[in-house]
N, C-alpha and C. Protein backbone atom coordinates (compact mmCIF):
# COMPACT_ATOMS: atom_id res chain seq x y z
N MET A 1 8.95 0.84 8.38
CA MET A 1 8.62 0.37 7.06
C MET A 1 7.37 -0.51 7.12
N THR A 2 6.50 -0.34 6.14
CA THR A 2 5.26 -1.08 6.10
C THR A 2 5.45 -2.38 5.31
N THR A 3 4.97 -3.46 5.88
CA THR A 3 4.97 -4.76 5.22
C THR A 3 3.70 -4.88 4.40
N LYS A 4 3.82 -5.39 3.18
CA LYS A 4 2.64 -5.56 2.34
C LYS A 4 2.36 -7.04 2.14
N LEU A 5 1.09 -7.37 2.30
CA LEU A 5 0.60 -8.73 2.08
C LEU A 5 -0.40 -8.69 0.93
N ILE A 6 -0.20 -9.51 -0.07
CA ILE A 6 -1.12 -9.60 -1.20
C ILE A 6 -2.09 -10.73 -0.91
N VAL A 7 -3.40 -10.47 -1.05
CA VAL A 7 -4.41 -11.49 -0.83
C VAL A 7 -5.23 -11.66 -2.10
N GLY A 8 -5.21 -12.86 -2.64
CA GLY A 8 -6.03 -13.17 -3.80
C GLY A 8 -7.43 -13.53 -3.36
N LEU A 9 -8.39 -12.72 -3.77
CA LEU A 9 -9.80 -12.97 -3.42
C LEU A 9 -10.57 -13.37 -4.67
N ASP A 10 -11.58 -14.20 -4.46
CA ASP A 10 -12.43 -14.59 -5.58
C ASP A 10 -13.91 -14.57 -5.21
N GLY A 11 -14.23 -14.07 -4.03
CA GLY A 11 -15.62 -14.00 -3.60
C GLY A 11 -16.14 -15.29 -2.98
N SER A 12 -15.26 -16.27 -2.79
CA SER A 12 -15.68 -17.55 -2.23
C SER A 12 -15.35 -17.63 -0.74
N GLU A 13 -15.89 -18.65 -0.09
CA GLU A 13 -15.60 -18.87 1.33
C GLU A 13 -14.13 -19.19 1.56
N PRO A 14 -13.47 -20.00 0.71
CA PRO A 14 -12.03 -20.18 0.89
C PRO A 14 -11.24 -18.88 0.77
N GLY A 15 -11.68 -17.99 -0.10
CA GLY A 15 -11.04 -16.68 -0.21
C GLY A 15 -11.16 -15.88 1.08
N GLU A 16 -12.29 -16.03 1.75
CA GLU A 16 -12.48 -15.37 3.04
C GLU A 16 -11.51 -15.92 4.08
N ARG A 17 -11.24 -17.22 4.01
CA ARG A 17 -10.26 -17.80 4.93
C ARG A 17 -8.86 -17.25 4.66
N ALA A 18 -8.54 -17.04 3.39
CA ALA A 18 -7.25 -16.44 3.05
C ALA A 18 -7.17 -15.03 3.63
N LEU A 19 -8.25 -14.28 3.52
CA LEU A 19 -8.28 -12.92 4.07
C LEU A 19 -8.16 -12.95 5.60
N ASP A 20 -8.84 -13.89 6.24
CA ASP A 20 -8.74 -14.02 7.70
C ASP A 20 -7.29 -14.30 8.12
N HIS A 21 -6.61 -15.15 7.36
CA HIS A 21 -5.21 -15.45 7.65
C HIS A 21 -4.35 -14.19 7.50
N ALA A 22 -4.61 -13.41 6.46
CA ALA A 22 -3.86 -12.17 6.26
C ALA A 22 -4.09 -11.20 7.42
N LYS A 23 -5.30 -11.16 7.93
CA LYS A 23 -5.59 -10.28 9.06
C LYS A 23 -4.81 -10.73 10.30
N ARG A 24 -4.76 -12.04 10.53
CA ARG A 24 -3.99 -12.55 11.68
C ARG A 24 -2.51 -12.21 11.53
N LEU A 25 -1.97 -12.42 10.32
CA LEU A 25 -0.56 -12.08 10.08
C LEU A 25 -0.31 -10.59 10.28
N SER A 26 -1.21 -9.78 9.78
CA SER A 26 -1.05 -8.34 9.90
C SER A 26 -0.98 -7.90 11.36
N LYS A 27 -1.81 -8.51 12.18
CA LYS A 27 -1.79 -8.19 13.62
C LYS A 27 -0.47 -8.62 14.25
N LEU A 28 0.04 -9.77 13.84
CA LEU A 28 1.30 -10.26 14.39
C LEU A 28 2.48 -9.41 13.95
N ILE A 29 2.48 -9.01 12.69
CA ILE A 29 3.59 -8.24 12.13
C ILE A 29 3.53 -6.79 12.56
N GLY A 30 2.36 -6.21 12.49
CA GLY A 30 2.20 -4.77 12.75
C GLY A 30 2.63 -3.98 11.53
N HIS A 31 2.14 -2.78 11.38
CA HIS A 31 2.49 -1.90 10.26
C HIS A 31 2.37 -2.61 8.91
N CYS A 32 1.22 -3.21 8.67
CA CYS A 32 0.98 -3.94 7.42
C CYS A 32 -0.05 -3.23 6.56
N THR A 33 0.09 -3.40 5.28
CA THR A 33 -0.95 -3.02 4.33
C THR A 33 -1.39 -4.30 3.64
N ILE A 34 -2.68 -4.53 3.65
CA ILE A 34 -3.24 -5.69 2.98
C ILE A 34 -3.73 -5.24 1.61
N GLU A 35 -3.18 -5.85 0.58
CA GLU A 35 -3.53 -5.52 -0.81
C GLU A 35 -4.45 -6.62 -1.34
N LEU A 36 -5.72 -6.30 -1.53
CA LEU A 36 -6.68 -7.27 -2.05
C LEU A 36 -6.64 -7.26 -3.57
N VAL A 37 -6.60 -8.45 -4.17
CA VAL A 37 -6.55 -8.55 -5.63
C VAL A 37 -7.57 -9.59 -6.09
N TYR A 38 -8.46 -9.16 -6.94
CA TYR A 38 -9.44 -10.05 -7.58
C TYR A 38 -9.05 -10.14 -9.04
N ILE A 39 -8.88 -11.36 -9.53
CA ILE A 39 -8.48 -11.56 -10.92
C ILE A 39 -9.63 -12.16 -11.71
N ILE A 40 -9.98 -11.51 -12.79
CA ILE A 40 -10.94 -12.07 -13.73
C ILE A 40 -10.12 -12.84 -14.74
N GLU A 41 -10.24 -14.16 -14.70
CA GLU A 41 -9.44 -15.02 -15.57
C GLU A 41 -9.79 -14.79 -17.03
N TRP A 42 -8.75 -14.74 -17.83
CA TRP A 42 -8.91 -14.63 -19.27
C TRP A 42 -7.85 -15.49 -19.92
N SER A 43 -8.26 -16.25 -20.88
CA SER A 43 -7.32 -17.13 -21.56
C SER A 43 -7.13 -16.67 -23.00
N PRO A 44 -5.89 -16.54 -23.44
CA PRO A 44 -5.65 -16.17 -24.83
C PRO A 44 -6.01 -17.31 -25.78
N TYR A 45 -6.31 -18.48 -25.22
CA TYR A 45 -6.61 -19.64 -26.05
C TYR A 45 -8.10 -19.80 -26.35
N SER A 46 -8.94 -18.92 -25.81
CA SER A 46 -10.36 -19.04 -26.11
C SER A 46 -10.62 -18.39 -27.48
N PHE A 47 -11.47 -19.04 -28.23
CA PHE A 47 -11.78 -18.55 -29.57
C PHE A 47 -13.04 -17.71 -29.51
N GLN A 48 -12.99 -16.56 -30.18
CA GLN A 48 -14.11 -15.65 -30.15
C GLN A 48 -14.48 -15.22 -31.56
N THR A 49 -15.75 -14.95 -31.72
CA THR A 49 -16.23 -14.46 -33.00
C THR A 49 -15.94 -12.97 -33.10
N ALA A 50 -16.10 -12.41 -34.28
CA ALA A 50 -15.90 -10.97 -34.47
C ALA A 50 -16.87 -10.18 -33.60
N GLU A 51 -18.08 -10.66 -33.47
CA GLU A 51 -19.08 -9.99 -32.63
C GLU A 51 -18.66 -10.00 -31.17
N GLU A 52 -18.14 -11.15 -30.70
CA GLU A 52 -17.68 -11.23 -29.32
C GLU A 52 -16.51 -10.29 -29.07
N ASN A 53 -15.60 -10.19 -30.02
CA ASN A 53 -14.48 -9.26 -29.88
C ASN A 53 -14.95 -7.82 -29.79
N ALA A 54 -15.99 -7.48 -30.56
CA ALA A 54 -16.52 -6.12 -30.53
C ALA A 54 -17.12 -5.79 -29.16
N GLN A 55 -17.68 -6.79 -28.49
CA GLN A 55 -18.31 -6.58 -27.19
C GLN A 55 -17.35 -6.77 -26.01
N ARG A 56 -16.14 -7.22 -26.31
CA ARG A 56 -15.19 -7.60 -25.26
C ARG A 56 -14.88 -6.48 -24.28
N HIS A 57 -14.58 -5.28 -24.78
CA HIS A 57 -14.22 -4.17 -23.91
C HIS A 57 -15.37 -3.82 -22.97
N LYS A 58 -16.57 -3.75 -23.50
CA LYS A 58 -17.74 -3.42 -22.69
C LYS A 58 -17.96 -4.50 -21.63
N ARG A 59 -17.82 -5.76 -22.01
CA ARG A 59 -18.01 -6.87 -21.08
C ARG A 59 -16.94 -6.84 -19.99
N ARG A 60 -15.70 -6.52 -20.38
CA ARG A 60 -14.61 -6.45 -19.40
C ARG A 60 -14.88 -5.35 -18.38
N GLU A 61 -15.31 -4.18 -18.82
CA GLU A 61 -15.61 -3.09 -17.89
C GLU A 61 -16.71 -3.49 -16.92
N GLN A 62 -17.73 -4.20 -17.41
CA GLN A 62 -18.82 -4.64 -16.55
C GLN A 62 -18.34 -5.68 -15.54
N GLU A 63 -17.49 -6.60 -15.97
CA GLU A 63 -16.94 -7.61 -15.06
C GLU A 63 -16.12 -6.97 -13.95
N VAL A 64 -15.30 -5.98 -14.29
CA VAL A 64 -14.48 -5.27 -13.30
C VAL A 64 -15.39 -4.54 -12.31
N LYS A 65 -16.41 -3.87 -12.83
CA LYS A 65 -17.35 -3.13 -11.96
C LYS A 65 -18.07 -4.08 -11.01
N THR A 66 -18.54 -5.20 -11.53
CA THR A 66 -19.26 -6.18 -10.71
C THR A 66 -18.36 -6.76 -9.62
N ALA A 67 -17.14 -7.14 -9.98
CA ALA A 67 -16.20 -7.71 -8.99
C ALA A 67 -15.84 -6.68 -7.92
N THR A 68 -15.67 -5.44 -8.33
CA THR A 68 -15.36 -4.38 -7.37
C THR A 68 -16.51 -4.20 -6.39
N GLU A 69 -17.73 -4.13 -6.91
CA GLU A 69 -18.91 -3.92 -6.06
C GLU A 69 -19.22 -5.10 -5.15
N ARG A 70 -19.04 -6.32 -5.66
CA ARG A 70 -19.46 -7.51 -4.91
C ARG A 70 -18.38 -8.08 -4.00
N VAL A 71 -17.11 -7.88 -4.34
CA VAL A 71 -16.04 -8.52 -3.58
C VAL A 71 -15.10 -7.51 -2.93
N ILE A 72 -14.48 -6.66 -3.73
CA ILE A 72 -13.43 -5.77 -3.21
C ILE A 72 -13.97 -4.71 -2.26
N THR A 73 -14.97 -3.95 -2.67
CA THR A 73 -15.48 -2.86 -1.82
C THR A 73 -16.00 -3.36 -0.48
N PRO A 74 -16.81 -4.43 -0.44
CA PRO A 74 -17.25 -4.92 0.88
C PRO A 74 -16.09 -5.38 1.76
N ALA A 75 -15.11 -6.06 1.17
CA ALA A 75 -13.96 -6.52 1.96
C ALA A 75 -13.16 -5.34 2.49
N LEU A 76 -12.95 -4.31 1.66
CA LEU A 76 -12.23 -3.13 2.12
C LEU A 76 -12.97 -2.41 3.23
N THR A 77 -14.28 -2.33 3.12
CA THR A 77 -15.10 -1.67 4.13
C THR A 77 -14.92 -2.36 5.48
N VAL A 78 -14.98 -3.68 5.49
CA VAL A 78 -14.81 -4.44 6.73
C VAL A 78 -13.39 -4.27 7.27
N LEU A 79 -12.39 -4.41 6.41
CA LEU A 79 -11.00 -4.27 6.86
C LEU A 79 -10.76 -2.91 7.50
N LYS A 80 -11.20 -1.86 6.84
CA LYS A 80 -10.96 -0.50 7.37
C LYS A 80 -11.73 -0.27 8.66
N ALA A 81 -12.95 -0.82 8.77
CA ALA A 81 -13.73 -0.70 10.01
C ALA A 81 -13.04 -1.42 11.16
N GLU A 82 -12.29 -2.49 10.84
CA GLU A 82 -11.56 -3.23 11.86
C GLU A 82 -10.17 -2.64 12.14
N GLY A 83 -9.84 -1.53 11.47
CA GLY A 83 -8.59 -0.84 11.75
C GLY A 83 -7.40 -1.25 10.90
N PHE A 84 -7.64 -2.03 9.86
CA PHE A 84 -6.55 -2.43 8.98
C PHE A 84 -6.33 -1.40 7.88
N THR A 85 -5.10 -1.32 7.40
CA THR A 85 -4.79 -0.51 6.23
C THR A 85 -4.89 -1.44 5.03
N ALA A 86 -5.70 -1.06 4.05
CA ALA A 86 -5.94 -1.97 2.92
C ALA A 86 -6.25 -1.20 1.65
N ASN A 87 -5.91 -1.83 0.55
CA ASN A 87 -6.23 -1.34 -0.79
C ASN A 87 -6.77 -2.51 -1.58
N GLY A 88 -7.43 -2.22 -2.69
CA GLY A 88 -7.95 -3.31 -3.50
C GLY A 88 -7.97 -2.95 -4.97
N ARG A 89 -7.94 -3.99 -5.79
CA ARG A 89 -7.97 -3.80 -7.23
C ARG A 89 -8.54 -5.04 -7.89
N VAL A 90 -9.07 -4.83 -9.08
CA VAL A 90 -9.57 -5.92 -9.92
C VAL A 90 -8.76 -5.88 -11.19
N LEU A 91 -8.21 -7.03 -11.57
CA LEU A 91 -7.40 -7.13 -12.78
C LEU A 91 -7.97 -8.22 -13.69
N HIS A 92 -7.58 -8.18 -14.93
CA HIS A 92 -8.09 -9.10 -15.94
C HIS A 92 -6.92 -9.81 -16.59
N GLY A 93 -6.87 -11.14 -16.49
CA GLY A 93 -5.79 -11.88 -17.13
C GLY A 93 -5.48 -13.18 -16.42
N ASP A 94 -4.23 -13.61 -16.49
CA ASP A 94 -3.77 -14.84 -15.87
C ASP A 94 -3.54 -14.59 -14.38
N ALA A 95 -4.27 -15.31 -13.54
CA ALA A 95 -4.25 -15.04 -12.10
C ALA A 95 -2.87 -15.20 -11.48
N ALA A 96 -2.20 -16.28 -11.78
CA ALA A 96 -0.88 -16.52 -11.17
C ALA A 96 0.11 -15.44 -11.58
N GLU A 97 0.13 -15.11 -12.85
CA GLU A 97 1.06 -14.08 -13.34
C GLU A 97 0.75 -12.72 -12.74
N LEU A 98 -0.53 -12.37 -12.67
CA LEU A 98 -0.90 -11.05 -12.16
C LEU A 98 -0.67 -10.93 -10.66
N LEU A 99 -0.97 -11.97 -9.89
CA LEU A 99 -0.70 -11.90 -8.46
C LEU A 99 0.78 -11.70 -8.20
N ASN A 100 1.61 -12.41 -8.95
CA ASN A 100 3.06 -12.25 -8.79
C ASN A 100 3.50 -10.85 -9.22
N SER A 101 2.95 -10.33 -10.30
CA SER A 101 3.36 -8.99 -10.75
C SER A 101 2.94 -7.91 -9.76
N VAL A 102 1.78 -8.08 -9.13
CA VAL A 102 1.36 -7.13 -8.09
C VAL A 102 2.31 -7.22 -6.91
N ALA A 103 2.69 -8.42 -6.53
CA ALA A 103 3.64 -8.59 -5.42
C ALA A 103 4.96 -7.91 -5.71
N ILE A 104 5.44 -8.04 -6.94
CA ILE A 104 6.70 -7.39 -7.33
C ILE A 104 6.54 -5.88 -7.30
N LYS A 105 5.48 -5.38 -7.93
CA LYS A 105 5.25 -3.93 -8.01
C LYS A 105 5.11 -3.30 -6.62
N GLU A 106 4.40 -3.99 -5.74
CA GLU A 106 4.15 -3.46 -4.40
C GLU A 106 5.26 -3.78 -3.40
N LYS A 107 6.27 -4.54 -3.86
CA LYS A 107 7.35 -4.98 -2.98
C LYS A 107 6.78 -5.72 -1.76
N ALA A 108 5.87 -6.64 -2.04
CA ALA A 108 5.19 -7.40 -1.00
C ALA A 108 6.09 -8.46 -0.41
N GLU A 109 5.81 -8.82 0.81
CA GLU A 109 6.55 -9.87 1.50
C GLU A 109 5.95 -11.24 1.25
N GLN A 110 4.65 -11.28 0.89
CA GLN A 110 3.99 -12.56 0.80
C GLN A 110 2.70 -12.44 0.00
N ILE A 111 2.33 -13.54 -0.65
CA ILE A 111 1.03 -13.66 -1.32
C ILE A 111 0.25 -14.72 -0.56
N ILE A 112 -1.01 -14.42 -0.27
CA ILE A 112 -1.86 -15.36 0.45
C ILE A 112 -3.06 -15.67 -0.43
N VAL A 113 -3.28 -16.95 -0.69
CA VAL A 113 -4.40 -17.39 -1.52
C VAL A 113 -5.05 -18.61 -0.89
N ALA A 114 -6.25 -18.91 -1.35
CA ALA A 114 -6.93 -20.12 -0.93
C ALA A 114 -6.57 -21.24 -1.89
N ARG A 115 -6.69 -22.46 -1.42
CA ARG A 115 -6.45 -23.63 -2.26
C ARG A 115 -7.42 -23.60 -3.43
N SER A 116 -6.91 -23.93 -4.59
CA SER A 116 -7.72 -23.95 -5.81
C SER A 116 -8.80 -25.00 -5.71
N THR A 117 -9.95 -24.71 -6.30
CA THR A 117 -11.04 -25.67 -6.31
C THR A 117 -11.10 -26.44 -7.62
N GLU A 118 -10.13 -26.20 -8.51
CA GLU A 118 -10.11 -26.94 -9.77
C GLU A 118 -9.82 -28.41 -9.48
N SER A 119 -10.46 -29.26 -10.24
CA SER A 119 -10.20 -30.69 -10.09
C SER A 119 -10.47 -31.38 -11.41
N GLY A 120 -10.15 -32.63 -11.45
CA GLY A 120 -10.45 -33.43 -12.63
C GLY A 120 -9.65 -33.05 -13.85
N PHE A 121 -10.29 -33.15 -15.00
CA PHE A 121 -9.63 -32.94 -16.28
C PHE A 121 -9.00 -31.56 -16.43
N ALA A 122 -9.73 -30.52 -16.05
CA ALA A 122 -9.21 -29.14 -16.21
C ALA A 122 -7.92 -28.95 -15.42
N ALA A 123 -7.88 -29.44 -14.19
CA ALA A 123 -6.67 -29.29 -13.37
C ALA A 123 -5.51 -30.07 -13.95
N ARG A 124 -5.78 -31.26 -14.47
CA ARG A 124 -4.70 -32.06 -15.06
C ARG A 124 -4.19 -31.43 -16.35
N LEU A 125 -5.09 -30.87 -17.15
CA LEU A 125 -4.70 -30.30 -18.43
C LEU A 125 -3.97 -28.96 -18.26
N PHE A 126 -4.52 -28.08 -17.45
CA PHE A 126 -3.98 -26.72 -17.34
C PHE A 126 -3.20 -26.48 -16.06
N GLY A 127 -3.38 -27.32 -15.05
CA GLY A 127 -2.75 -27.08 -13.76
C GLY A 127 -3.57 -26.05 -13.00
N SER A 128 -3.52 -26.08 -11.71
CA SER A 128 -4.31 -25.13 -10.94
C SER A 128 -3.58 -23.79 -10.86
N VAL A 129 -4.35 -22.75 -10.69
CA VAL A 129 -3.78 -21.42 -10.51
C VAL A 129 -2.86 -21.41 -9.30
N THR A 130 -3.31 -22.05 -8.22
CA THR A 130 -2.51 -22.07 -7.00
C THR A 130 -1.18 -22.76 -7.23
N ALA A 131 -1.19 -23.90 -7.88
CA ALA A 131 0.06 -24.62 -8.15
C ALA A 131 0.99 -23.80 -9.02
N LYS A 132 0.44 -23.17 -10.04
CA LYS A 132 1.26 -22.32 -10.92
C LYS A 132 1.86 -21.16 -10.14
N LEU A 133 1.07 -20.55 -9.27
CA LEU A 133 1.56 -19.43 -8.47
C LEU A 133 2.67 -19.88 -7.53
N VAL A 134 2.48 -20.98 -6.85
CA VAL A 134 3.49 -21.49 -5.92
C VAL A 134 4.80 -21.76 -6.65
N MET A 135 4.72 -22.31 -7.85
CA MET A 135 5.93 -22.66 -8.59
C MET A 135 6.62 -21.46 -9.23
N SER A 136 5.88 -20.37 -9.47
CA SER A 136 6.48 -19.26 -10.22
C SER A 136 6.65 -17.96 -9.45
N ALA A 137 6.06 -17.84 -8.29
CA ALA A 137 6.10 -16.58 -7.55
C ALA A 137 7.51 -16.22 -7.09
N THR A 138 7.77 -14.94 -7.04
CA THR A 138 9.08 -14.45 -6.60
C THR A 138 9.11 -14.12 -5.11
N VAL A 139 7.96 -14.25 -4.45
CA VAL A 139 7.88 -14.07 -2.99
C VAL A 139 7.20 -15.31 -2.41
N PRO A 140 7.31 -15.53 -1.11
CA PRO A 140 6.64 -16.68 -0.52
C PRO A 140 5.12 -16.64 -0.74
N VAL A 141 4.55 -17.81 -0.92
CA VAL A 141 3.10 -17.94 -1.10
C VAL A 141 2.55 -18.81 0.02
N THR A 142 1.55 -18.31 0.70
CA THR A 142 0.85 -19.10 1.71
C THR A 142 -0.46 -19.55 1.11
N VAL A 143 -0.71 -20.86 1.14
CA VAL A 143 -1.95 -21.42 0.61
C VAL A 143 -2.80 -21.86 1.79
N VAL A 144 -3.97 -21.25 1.90
CA VAL A 144 -4.89 -21.53 2.99
C VAL A 144 -5.91 -22.55 2.50
N ASN A 145 -6.15 -23.58 3.29
CA ASN A 145 -7.10 -24.62 2.90
C ASN A 145 -8.51 -24.18 3.20
């Protein structure tokens, strides 16, 4: 049976550390699939004009394409060249909820993410994605500093 590890990537250096940790775990476990997930955050609380709503679908498609080209595809290329089994996807929405839903759908053993870089007022008001994920995930979450 193959063990699945979900890795939340965001194109940052901490995200690379999360991926490095997943690679180490995969080697230790054996027979692993690393599932890379990039989330484009979207808040239902943002207010948009009618013009912005009309452009939303086109903008979303471009954001997904850009994230795939800049983050997911290069990471998959490196993983596969190093002999890992890996898949990747870009999703749009609430990061904590989507990472957990991917873990459930894929029957993953663990979610691996980097520590959130949110601080100050935004973190106090909304809470960090990492904290929300740790508190709500249905599988263990490893937070890499």
